[in-house]
Amino acid sequence: MYLITNSRRAYTIPMAVTNEDFIIAVEKSRAYLLRHLQGLTLEQLDWKPYRECKNVIETIQHLIVDDRTALESMKTMSEPDYDDCVVDETDYDRLLEMLDQSHRELIQYLRERFADQPLDALGCSWGAVMPSPLAISHLSAEDYFHAGQISFIRLATDPAWDYYGAIYGISE
C-alpha cells in the first residue's frame, strides 16, 4: 500500500491497480462535471460566447452522445456510428436524466467487460483500440473538458460565482 498525503487529505493506494480503479475514476470525472451544473440559471443554460460554441444544453446533449458512442465503441471494438446517437431533447431536467442513464449504462458495461481482466486486455475508445486502462481513462477527458466549458459560461455570466466553493467546497 502507498500512502499519499496533501494539505487536506490522505490517500491509501493499493499497490496492485485494477481496471476497476480506472472505472471509478470515470465515475469521479462525471461527478466533477455534474457539480458544474448545480445552480445554473435559465440564462446560463442557453448562453454561449460565440455562435460556434456549445451552450450548456448542447454540451449535455453532446455528453449523452459521448456516452452512447463510447459504449458502442467498447462493444464493437470499432468506430461508433455517431449519427445513430443524436440527441434532440432540449428539456434540461430530461437531459440530466438521460445523461445519468447513458453514463450508468456505460459504467455497467465497463464493469461487466473488464471485471477480473488483466490490464493488458484491450478496449476501444471511440474507435481507437488500446489497453483497457488507457481506453477507460480516456473517457474522463470529455467530462473534464466540458466541465471547463461550463465553468467558463458560469463565470462569464456571473463573475461573482465562487468556483472553488461550488466545485471543491472551499472558499478563498
N, C-alpha and C. Protein backbone atom coordinates (compact mmCIF):
# COMPACT_ATOMS: atom_id res chain seq x y z
N MET A 1 0.83 -1.18 0.00
CA MET A 1 0.00 0.00 0.00
C MET A 1 0.88 1.25 0.00
N TYR A 2 0.41 2.26 -0.74
CA TYR A 2 1.08 3.55 -0.76
C TYR A 2 0.22 4.54 0.02
N LEU A 3 0.82 5.41 0.76
CA LEU A 3 0.10 6.47 1.45
C LEU A 3 0.53 7.78 0.81
N ILE A 4 -0.44 8.51 0.28
CA ILE A 4 -0.19 9.79 -0.37
C ILE A 4 -0.96 10.84 0.40
N THR A 5 -0.32 11.94 0.75
CA THR A 5 -0.99 12.99 1.51
C THR A 5 -0.85 14.33 0.81
N ASN A 6 -1.83 15.19 1.05
CA ASN A 6 -1.71 16.59 0.67
C ASN A 6 -2.23 17.40 1.84
N SER A 7 -2.44 18.68 1.67
CA SER A 7 -2.80 19.52 2.81
C SER A 7 -4.18 19.22 3.38
N ARG A 8 -5.05 18.54 2.61
CA ARG A 8 -6.41 18.30 3.09
C ARG A 8 -6.74 16.83 3.32
N ARG A 9 -6.06 15.90 2.65
CA ARG A 9 -6.46 14.51 2.70
C ARG A 9 -5.25 13.58 2.68
N ALA A 10 -5.51 12.37 3.12
CA ALA A 10 -4.54 11.29 2.97
C ALA A 10 -5.20 10.19 2.16
N TYR A 11 -4.48 9.63 1.23
CA TYR A 11 -5.00 8.58 0.36
C TYR A 11 -4.16 7.33 0.54
N THR A 12 -4.82 6.20 0.58
CA THR A 12 -4.12 4.93 0.56
C THR A 12 -4.36 4.33 -0.81
N ILE A 13 -3.30 4.02 -1.51
CA ILE A 13 -3.38 3.48 -2.86
C ILE A 13 -2.91 2.03 -2.82
N PRO A 14 -3.73 1.09 -3.29
CA PRO A 14 -3.25 -0.30 -3.33
C PRO A 14 -2.11 -0.42 -4.33
N MET A 15 -1.19 -1.29 -4.07
CA MET A 15 -0.06 -1.47 -4.97
C MET A 15 -0.50 -2.07 -6.29
N ALA A 16 -1.50 -2.93 -6.26
CA ALA A 16 -1.97 -3.57 -7.49
C ALA A 16 -3.20 -2.82 -8.00
N VAL A 17 -3.01 -2.04 -9.03
CA VAL A 17 -4.11 -1.29 -9.65
C VAL A 17 -4.88 -2.24 -10.57
N THR A 18 -6.19 -2.05 -10.62
CA THR A 18 -7.04 -2.89 -11.47
C THR A 18 -7.85 -2.02 -12.42
N ASN A 19 -8.52 -2.65 -13.35
CA ASN A 19 -9.42 -1.91 -14.24
C ASN A 19 -10.51 -1.19 -13.45
N GLU A 20 -10.93 -1.77 -12.35
CA GLU A 20 -11.96 -1.13 -11.51
C GLU A 20 -11.51 0.24 -11.03
N ASP A 21 -10.24 0.40 -10.75
CA ASP A 21 -9.72 1.71 -10.33
C ASP A 21 -9.92 2.76 -11.42
N PHE A 22 -9.74 2.36 -12.66
CA PHE A 22 -9.93 3.29 -13.78
C PHE A 22 -11.41 3.59 -14.00
N ILE A 23 -12.26 2.60 -13.78
CA ILE A 23 -13.71 2.80 -13.91
C ILE A 23 -14.19 3.77 -12.83
N ILE A 24 -13.69 3.62 -11.62
CA ILE A 24 -14.03 4.54 -10.54
C ILE A 24 -13.61 5.97 -10.90
N ALA A 25 -12.47 6.11 -11.54
CA ALA A 25 -12.00 7.43 -11.96
C ALA A 25 -12.96 8.05 -12.98
N VAL A 26 -13.54 7.24 -13.86
CA VAL A 26 -14.53 7.74 -14.83
C VAL A 26 -15.79 8.19 -14.09
N GLU A 27 -16.19 7.46 -13.08
CA GLU A 27 -17.34 7.89 -12.27
C GLU A 27 -17.05 9.22 -11.58
N LYS A 28 -15.85 9.36 -11.08
CA LYS A 28 -15.48 10.60 -10.39
C LYS A 28 -15.40 11.79 -11.35
N SER A 29 -14.96 11.56 -12.57
CA SER A 29 -14.91 12.67 -13.52
C SER A 29 -16.32 13.14 -13.87
N ARG A 30 -17.27 12.23 -13.93
CA ARG A 30 -18.65 12.64 -14.21
C ARG A 30 -19.23 13.39 -13.02
N ALA A 31 -18.93 12.95 -11.81
CA ALA A 31 -19.40 13.67 -10.62
C ALA A 31 -18.83 15.08 -10.60
N TYR A 32 -17.58 15.23 -11.00
CA TYR A 32 -16.94 16.54 -11.09
C TYR A 32 -17.69 17.42 -12.08
N LEU A 33 -18.01 16.89 -13.25
CA LEU A 33 -18.76 17.66 -14.24
C LEU A 33 -20.12 18.07 -13.70
N LEU A 34 -20.81 17.15 -13.05
CA LEU A 34 -22.16 17.44 -12.56
C LEU A 34 -22.17 18.56 -11.53
N ARG A 35 -21.11 18.70 -10.75
CA ARG A 35 -21.04 19.81 -9.79
C ARG A 35 -21.09 21.16 -10.51
N HIS A 36 -20.58 21.22 -11.72
CA HIS A 36 -20.60 22.47 -12.50
C HIS A 36 -22.01 22.84 -12.95
N LEU A 37 -22.90 21.87 -13.00
CA LEU A 37 -24.27 22.12 -13.46
C LEU A 37 -25.21 22.58 -12.35
N GLN A 38 -24.80 22.40 -11.11
CA GLN A 38 -25.67 22.74 -9.99
C GLN A 38 -25.88 24.24 -9.88
N GLY A 39 -27.14 24.66 -9.85
CA GLY A 39 -27.48 26.05 -9.66
C GLY A 39 -27.45 26.93 -10.90
N LEU A 40 -27.37 26.34 -12.08
CA LEU A 40 -27.38 27.14 -13.31
C LEU A 40 -28.73 27.84 -13.48
N THR A 41 -28.69 29.03 -14.04
CA THR A 41 -29.92 29.76 -14.34
C THR A 41 -30.36 29.42 -15.77
N LEU A 42 -31.60 29.76 -16.10
CA LEU A 42 -32.09 29.54 -17.47
C LEU A 42 -31.24 30.30 -18.48
N GLU A 43 -30.81 31.52 -18.11
CA GLU A 43 -29.95 32.30 -19.00
C GLU A 43 -28.64 31.57 -19.28
N GLN A 44 -28.05 30.98 -18.24
CA GLN A 44 -26.77 30.29 -18.38
C GLN A 44 -26.90 29.03 -19.23
N LEU A 45 -28.04 28.36 -19.16
CA LEU A 45 -28.23 27.13 -19.95
C LEU A 45 -28.16 27.40 -21.44
N ASP A 46 -28.59 28.59 -21.85
CA ASP A 46 -28.69 28.90 -23.28
C ASP A 46 -27.57 29.82 -23.78
N TRP A 47 -26.79 30.39 -22.87
CA TRP A 47 -25.79 31.38 -23.25
C TRP A 47 -24.56 30.73 -23.89
N LYS A 48 -24.02 31.41 -24.89
CA LYS A 48 -22.75 30.99 -25.48
C LYS A 48 -21.96 32.22 -25.88
N PRO A 49 -20.65 32.19 -25.72
CA PRO A 49 -19.84 33.36 -26.00
C PRO A 49 -19.75 33.69 -27.49
N TYR A 50 -19.83 32.67 -28.32
CA TYR A 50 -19.77 32.84 -29.77
C TYR A 50 -20.74 31.84 -30.40
N ARG A 51 -21.19 32.14 -31.61
CA ARG A 51 -22.13 31.24 -32.30
C ARG A 51 -21.60 29.82 -32.43
N GLU A 52 -20.30 29.69 -32.62
CA GLU A 52 -19.70 28.38 -32.87
C GLU A 52 -19.60 27.51 -31.62
N CYS A 53 -19.74 28.10 -30.45
CA CYS A 53 -19.60 27.37 -29.19
C CYS A 53 -20.90 26.64 -28.84
N LYS A 54 -20.77 25.64 -28.00
CA LYS A 54 -21.94 24.95 -27.48
C LYS A 54 -22.41 25.67 -26.22
N ASN A 55 -23.74 25.76 -26.06
CA ASN A 55 -24.26 26.23 -24.78
C ASN A 55 -24.35 25.01 -23.85
N VAL A 56 -24.84 25.18 -22.64
CA VAL A 56 -24.87 24.08 -21.68
C VAL A 56 -25.80 22.98 -22.15
N ILE A 57 -26.96 23.32 -22.69
CA ILE A 57 -27.90 22.31 -23.20
C ILE A 57 -27.22 21.48 -24.30
N GLU A 58 -26.58 22.14 -25.23
CA GLU A 58 -25.88 21.42 -26.32
C GLU A 58 -24.72 20.58 -25.78
N THR A 59 -24.07 21.07 -24.74
CA THR A 59 -22.98 20.31 -24.13
C THR A 59 -23.50 19.03 -23.49
N ILE A 60 -24.62 19.11 -22.80
CA ILE A 60 -25.20 17.91 -22.20
C ILE A 60 -25.64 16.93 -23.29
N GLN A 61 -26.26 17.44 -24.35
CA GLN A 61 -26.62 16.57 -25.48
C GLN A 61 -25.38 15.85 -26.00
N HIS A 62 -24.30 16.61 -26.15
CA HIS A 62 -23.03 16.06 -26.65
C HIS A 62 -22.50 14.97 -25.71
N LEU A 63 -22.58 15.19 -24.40
CA LEU A 63 -22.08 14.21 -23.45
C LEU A 63 -22.89 12.91 -23.49
N ILE A 64 -24.18 13.02 -23.73
CA ILE A 64 -25.00 11.82 -23.88
C ILE A 64 -24.55 11.05 -25.12
N VAL A 65 -24.31 11.77 -26.20
CA VAL A 65 -23.78 11.13 -27.42
C VAL A 65 -22.43 10.49 -27.12
N ASP A 66 -21.57 11.19 -26.37
CA ASP A 66 -20.27 10.63 -25.99
C ASP A 66 -20.43 9.31 -25.26
N ASP A 67 -21.32 9.29 -24.27
CA ASP A 67 -21.54 8.05 -23.50
C ASP A 67 -22.03 6.93 -24.42
N ARG A 68 -23.00 7.24 -25.24
CA ARG A 68 -23.59 6.22 -26.12
C ARG A 68 -22.57 5.70 -27.14
N THR A 69 -21.81 6.60 -27.73
CA THR A 69 -20.83 6.16 -28.72
C THR A 69 -19.64 5.46 -28.07
N ALA A 70 -19.27 5.87 -26.87
CA ALA A 70 -18.21 5.16 -26.14
C ALA A 70 -18.65 3.74 -25.84
N LEU A 71 -19.90 3.57 -25.45
CA LEU A 71 -20.43 2.23 -25.18
C LEU A 71 -20.42 1.39 -26.45
N GLU A 72 -20.91 1.96 -27.54
CA GLU A 72 -20.92 1.24 -28.81
C GLU A 72 -19.51 0.86 -29.24
N SER A 73 -18.58 1.78 -29.08
CA SER A 73 -17.19 1.53 -29.47
C SER A 73 -16.57 0.41 -28.63
N MET A 74 -16.85 0.43 -27.32
CA MET A 74 -16.34 -0.63 -26.45
C MET A 74 -16.93 -1.99 -26.84
N LYS A 75 -18.22 -1.99 -27.18
CA LYS A 75 -18.88 -3.26 -27.52
C LYS A 75 -18.40 -3.81 -28.86
N THR A 76 -18.21 -2.94 -29.84
CA THR A 76 -17.87 -3.39 -31.20
C THR A 76 -16.38 -3.37 -31.48
N MET A 77 -15.61 -2.72 -30.61
CA MET A 77 -14.17 -2.56 -30.81
C MET A 77 -13.89 -1.85 -32.14
N SER A 78 -14.74 -0.89 -32.48
CA SER A 78 -14.57 -0.14 -33.73
C SER A 78 -15.13 1.27 -33.57
N GLU A 79 -14.97 2.06 -34.60
CA GLU A 79 -15.50 3.42 -34.64
C GLU A 79 -17.03 3.36 -34.52
N PRO A 80 -17.63 4.13 -33.63
CA PRO A 80 -19.08 4.10 -33.48
C PRO A 80 -19.78 4.87 -34.60
N ASP A 81 -21.07 4.63 -34.74
CA ASP A 81 -21.89 5.37 -35.69
C ASP A 81 -22.51 6.55 -34.94
N TYR A 82 -21.92 7.70 -35.07
CA TYR A 82 -22.36 8.89 -34.33
C TYR A 82 -23.77 9.31 -34.72
N ASP A 83 -24.17 9.10 -35.96
CA ASP A 83 -25.50 9.51 -36.41
C ASP A 83 -26.61 8.76 -35.70
N ASP A 84 -26.34 7.54 -35.24
CA ASP A 84 -27.34 6.75 -34.53
C ASP A 84 -27.57 7.24 -33.10
N CYS A 85 -26.74 8.14 -32.63
CA CYS A 85 -26.78 8.54 -31.22
C CYS A 85 -27.16 10.00 -31.01
N VAL A 86 -27.66 10.67 -32.02
CA VAL A 86 -28.02 12.09 -31.93
C VAL A 86 -29.09 12.28 -30.87
N VAL A 87 -28.97 13.37 -30.11
CA VAL A 87 -29.94 13.70 -29.06
C VAL A 87 -30.62 15.01 -29.43
N ASP A 88 -31.94 14.97 -29.59
CA ASP A 88 -32.71 16.16 -29.95
C ASP A 88 -33.41 16.79 -28.75
N GLU A 89 -33.43 16.10 -27.65
CA GLU A 89 -34.11 16.60 -26.44
C GLU A 89 -33.48 17.93 -26.01
N THR A 90 -34.32 18.87 -25.56
CA THR A 90 -33.80 20.16 -25.09
C THR A 90 -34.25 20.49 -23.67
N ASP A 91 -35.14 19.69 -23.10
CA ASP A 91 -35.58 19.94 -21.72
C ASP A 91 -34.44 19.58 -20.76
N TYR A 92 -34.03 20.56 -19.97
CA TYR A 92 -32.86 20.40 -19.10
C TYR A 92 -33.00 19.22 -18.14
N ASP A 93 -34.13 19.13 -17.44
CA ASP A 93 -34.31 18.05 -16.48
C ASP A 93 -34.30 16.69 -17.17
N ARG A 94 -34.94 16.59 -18.31
CA ARG A 94 -34.95 15.33 -19.05
C ARG A 94 -33.54 15.00 -19.55
N LEU A 95 -32.80 16.01 -19.99
CA LEU A 95 -31.42 15.77 -20.43
C LEU A 95 -30.55 15.25 -19.28
N LEU A 96 -30.75 15.79 -18.09
CA LEU A 96 -29.98 15.30 -16.95
C LEU A 96 -30.31 13.83 -16.65
N GLU A 97 -31.57 13.46 -16.78
CA GLU A 97 -31.97 12.06 -16.60
C GLU A 97 -31.30 11.18 -17.66
N MET A 98 -31.32 11.65 -18.90
CA MET A 98 -30.71 10.89 -20.00
C MET A 98 -29.20 10.76 -19.79
N LEU A 99 -28.58 11.84 -19.31
CA LEU A 99 -27.13 11.82 -19.05
C LEU A 99 -26.80 10.80 -17.97
N ASP A 100 -27.61 10.78 -16.92
CA ASP A 100 -27.40 9.81 -15.85
C ASP A 100 -27.56 8.38 -16.38
N GLN A 101 -28.59 8.16 -17.17
CA GLN A 101 -28.84 6.82 -17.71
C GLN A 101 -27.72 6.37 -18.66
N SER A 102 -27.30 7.25 -19.56
CA SER A 102 -26.26 6.87 -20.52
C SER A 102 -24.95 6.55 -19.80
N HIS A 103 -24.67 7.31 -18.74
CA HIS A 103 -23.42 7.06 -18.01
C HIS A 103 -23.51 5.77 -17.19
N ARG A 104 -24.67 5.53 -16.56
CA ARG A 104 -24.84 4.29 -15.81
C ARG A 104 -24.68 3.08 -16.72
N GLU A 105 -25.26 3.14 -17.93
CA GLU A 105 -25.14 2.02 -18.88
C GLU A 105 -23.69 1.80 -19.29
N LEU A 106 -22.97 2.88 -19.52
CA LEU A 106 -21.55 2.77 -19.88
C LEU A 106 -20.74 2.15 -18.75
N ILE A 107 -20.93 2.64 -17.53
CA ILE A 107 -20.19 2.13 -16.37
C ILE A 107 -20.52 0.66 -16.13
N GLN A 108 -21.79 0.31 -16.23
CA GLN A 108 -22.20 -1.08 -16.04
C GLN A 108 -21.51 -1.99 -17.05
N TYR A 109 -21.47 -1.56 -18.30
CA TYR A 109 -20.80 -2.37 -19.33
C TYR A 109 -19.31 -2.50 -19.04
N LEU A 110 -18.68 -1.40 -18.67
CA LEU A 110 -17.25 -1.45 -18.36
C LEU A 110 -16.97 -2.44 -17.24
N ARG A 111 -17.82 -2.42 -16.23
CA ARG A 111 -17.62 -3.35 -15.10
C ARG A 111 -17.82 -4.80 -15.55
N GLU A 112 -18.82 -5.04 -16.38
CA GLU A 112 -19.05 -6.40 -16.87
C GLU A 112 -17.91 -6.85 -17.79
N ARG A 113 -17.49 -5.99 -18.66
CA ARG A 113 -16.48 -6.32 -19.67
C ARG A 113 -15.09 -6.52 -19.08
N PHE A 114 -14.74 -5.66 -18.12
CA PHE A 114 -13.37 -5.66 -17.64
C PHE A 114 -13.18 -6.24 -16.23
N ALA A 115 -14.26 -6.78 -15.65
CA ALA A 115 -14.13 -7.42 -14.33
C ALA A 115 -13.12 -8.55 -14.42
N ASP A 116 -12.17 -8.54 -13.54
CA ASP A 116 -11.16 -9.60 -13.46
C ASP A 116 -10.31 -9.74 -14.73
N GLN A 117 -10.30 -8.74 -15.57
CA GLN A 117 -9.45 -8.78 -16.76
C GLN A 117 -8.10 -8.15 -16.43
N PRO A 118 -7.04 -8.65 -17.04
CA PRO A 118 -5.72 -8.05 -16.80
C PRO A 118 -5.64 -6.66 -17.44
N LEU A 119 -4.69 -5.88 -17.01
CA LEU A 119 -4.53 -4.53 -17.53
C LEU A 119 -4.11 -4.49 -19.00
N ASP A 120 -3.69 -5.61 -19.55
CA ASP A 120 -3.37 -5.61 -20.97
C ASP A 120 -4.54 -6.06 -21.84
N ALA A 121 -5.72 -6.26 -21.22
CA ALA A 121 -6.92 -6.54 -22.01
C ALA A 121 -7.21 -5.33 -22.88
N LEU A 122 -7.70 -5.55 -24.08
CA LEU A 122 -7.94 -4.44 -24.99
C LEU A 122 -9.33 -3.85 -24.83
N GLY A 123 -9.40 -2.53 -24.96
CA GLY A 123 -10.64 -1.79 -25.00
C GLY A 123 -10.61 -0.90 -26.23
N CYS A 124 -11.71 -0.24 -26.48
CA CYS A 124 -11.78 0.64 -27.65
C CYS A 124 -12.44 1.94 -27.25
N SER A 125 -11.74 3.02 -27.44
CA SER A 125 -12.26 4.33 -27.09
C SER A 125 -12.50 5.13 -28.36
N TRP A 126 -13.76 5.23 -28.74
CA TRP A 126 -14.18 5.96 -29.94
C TRP A 126 -13.36 5.55 -31.16
N GLY A 127 -13.20 4.24 -31.31
CA GLY A 127 -12.55 3.70 -32.49
C GLY A 127 -11.07 3.40 -32.34
N ALA A 128 -10.45 3.85 -31.28
CA ALA A 128 -9.03 3.59 -31.05
C ALA A 128 -8.86 2.42 -30.09
N VAL A 129 -8.30 1.32 -30.58
CA VAL A 129 -8.08 0.14 -29.75
C VAL A 129 -6.79 0.34 -28.96
N MET A 130 -6.87 0.08 -27.65
CA MET A 130 -5.73 0.28 -26.76
C MET A 130 -5.92 -0.55 -25.51
N PRO A 131 -4.89 -0.68 -24.67
CA PRO A 131 -5.05 -1.41 -23.42
C PRO A 131 -6.16 -0.79 -22.56
N SER A 132 -6.85 -1.64 -21.82
CA SER A 132 -8.03 -1.21 -21.07
C SER A 132 -7.82 0.02 -20.18
N PRO A 133 -6.72 0.16 -19.45
CA PRO A 133 -6.59 1.36 -18.63
C PRO A 133 -6.61 2.65 -19.45
N LEU A 134 -5.99 2.61 -20.62
CA LEU A 134 -6.00 3.80 -21.48
C LEU A 134 -7.38 4.05 -22.07
N ALA A 135 -8.03 3.00 -22.54
CA ALA A 135 -9.36 3.15 -23.13
C ALA A 135 -10.37 3.65 -22.11
N ILE A 136 -10.31 3.10 -20.91
CA ILE A 136 -11.26 3.51 -19.87
C ILE A 136 -10.96 4.93 -19.41
N SER A 137 -9.71 5.22 -19.10
CA SER A 137 -9.39 6.56 -18.59
C SER A 137 -9.61 7.64 -19.63
N HIS A 138 -9.51 7.30 -20.90
CA HIS A 138 -9.75 8.27 -21.97
C HIS A 138 -11.16 8.84 -21.89
N LEU A 139 -12.10 8.08 -21.34
CA LEU A 139 -13.49 8.52 -21.24
C LEU A 139 -13.64 9.74 -20.34
N SER A 140 -12.75 9.90 -19.38
CA SER A 140 -12.82 11.04 -18.46
C SER A 140 -12.49 12.37 -19.14
N ALA A 141 -11.75 12.32 -20.22
CA ALA A 141 -11.32 13.55 -20.89
C ALA A 141 -12.50 14.44 -21.26
N GLU A 142 -13.57 13.83 -21.76
CA GLU A 142 -14.74 14.61 -22.17
C GLU A 142 -15.37 15.33 -20.98
N ASP A 143 -15.47 14.65 -19.84
CA ASP A 143 -16.07 15.29 -18.66
C ASP A 143 -15.25 16.48 -18.21
N TYR A 144 -13.94 16.31 -18.16
CA TYR A 144 -13.09 17.42 -17.70
C TYR A 144 -13.09 18.58 -18.69
N PHE A 145 -13.03 18.27 -19.96
CA PHE A 145 -13.05 19.32 -20.98
C PHE A 145 -14.35 20.13 -20.90
N HIS A 146 -15.48 19.43 -20.84
CA HIS A 146 -16.76 20.13 -20.85
C HIS A 146 -17.08 20.79 -19.51
N ALA A 147 -16.51 20.29 -18.43
CA ALA A 147 -16.64 21.00 -17.15
C ALA A 147 -15.98 22.37 -17.27
N GLY A 148 -14.88 22.43 -17.97
CA GLY A 148 -14.21 23.72 -18.19
C GLY A 148 -15.08 24.67 -19.01
N GLN A 149 -15.75 24.14 -20.03
CA GLN A 149 -16.65 24.99 -20.82
C GLN A 149 -17.78 25.54 -19.96
N ILE A 150 -18.37 24.68 -19.16
CA ILE A 150 -19.49 25.10 -18.31
C ILE A 150 -19.00 26.12 -17.28
N SER A 151 -17.82 25.90 -16.74
CA SER A 151 -17.24 26.84 -15.79
C SER A 151 -17.05 28.20 -16.44
N PHE A 152 -16.56 28.21 -17.68
CA PHE A 152 -16.38 29.47 -18.40
C PHE A 152 -17.72 30.20 -18.56
N ILE A 153 -18.75 29.46 -18.95
CA ILE A 153 -20.08 30.08 -19.12
C ILE A 153 -20.56 30.66 -17.80
N ARG A 154 -20.38 29.91 -16.73
CA ARG A 154 -20.83 30.39 -15.42
C ARG A 154 -20.10 31.66 -15.02
N LEU A 155 -18.79 31.68 -15.18
CA LEU A 155 -18.02 32.86 -14.79
C LEU A 155 -18.27 34.05 -15.71
N ALA A 156 -18.50 33.79 -16.99
CA ALA A 156 -18.78 34.87 -17.94
C ALA A 156 -20.14 35.51 -17.67
N THR A 157 -21.09 34.72 -17.19
CA THR A 157 -22.44 35.25 -16.94
C THR A 157 -22.66 35.63 -15.50
N ASP A 158 -21.79 35.20 -14.60
CA ASP A 158 -21.89 35.52 -13.18
C ASP A 158 -20.48 35.58 -12.58
N PRO A 159 -19.78 36.73 -12.76
CA PRO A 159 -18.40 36.83 -12.28
C PRO A 159 -18.25 36.62 -10.78
N ALA A 160 -19.34 36.72 -10.03
CA ALA A 160 -19.27 36.52 -8.58
C ALA A 160 -19.37 35.04 -8.19
N TRP A 161 -19.58 34.16 -9.17
CA TRP A 161 -19.70 32.72 -8.87
C TRP A 161 -18.43 32.25 -8.18
N ASP A 162 -18.60 31.57 -7.07
CA ASP A 162 -17.47 31.07 -6.28
C ASP A 162 -17.10 29.67 -6.78
N TYR A 163 -16.22 29.62 -7.76
CA TYR A 163 -15.83 28.35 -8.37
C TYR A 163 -15.31 27.36 -7.32
N TYR A 164 -14.36 27.78 -6.52
CA TYR A 164 -13.75 26.87 -5.55
C TYR A 164 -14.75 26.40 -4.50
N GLY A 165 -15.64 27.27 -4.10
CA GLY A 165 -16.68 26.89 -3.15
C GLY A 165 -17.67 25.92 -3.76
N ALA A 166 -18.11 26.20 -4.98
CA ALA A 166 -19.11 25.36 -5.64
C ALA A 166 -18.55 24.01 -6.05
N ILE A 167 -17.34 23.95 -6.52
CA ILE A 167 -16.78 22.72 -7.06
C ILE A 167 -16.02 21.91 -6.02
N TYR A 168 -15.27 22.58 -5.16
CA TYR A 168 -14.43 21.87 -4.20
C TYR A 168 -14.88 22.02 -2.75
N GLY A 169 -15.89 22.87 -2.52
CA GLY A 169 -16.37 23.04 -1.15
C GLY A 169 -15.47 23.89 -0.28
N ILE A 170 -14.59 24.65 -0.93
CA ILE A 170 -13.70 25.55 -0.16
C ILE A 170 -13.80 26.94 -0.76
N SER A 171 -13.85 27.93 0.08
CA SER A 171 -13.90 29.32 -0.39
C SER A 171 -12.55 29.98 -0.13
N GLU A 172 -12.24 30.88 -1.05
CA GLU A 172 -10.95 31.59 -0.90
C GLU A 172 -11.11 32.71 0.09
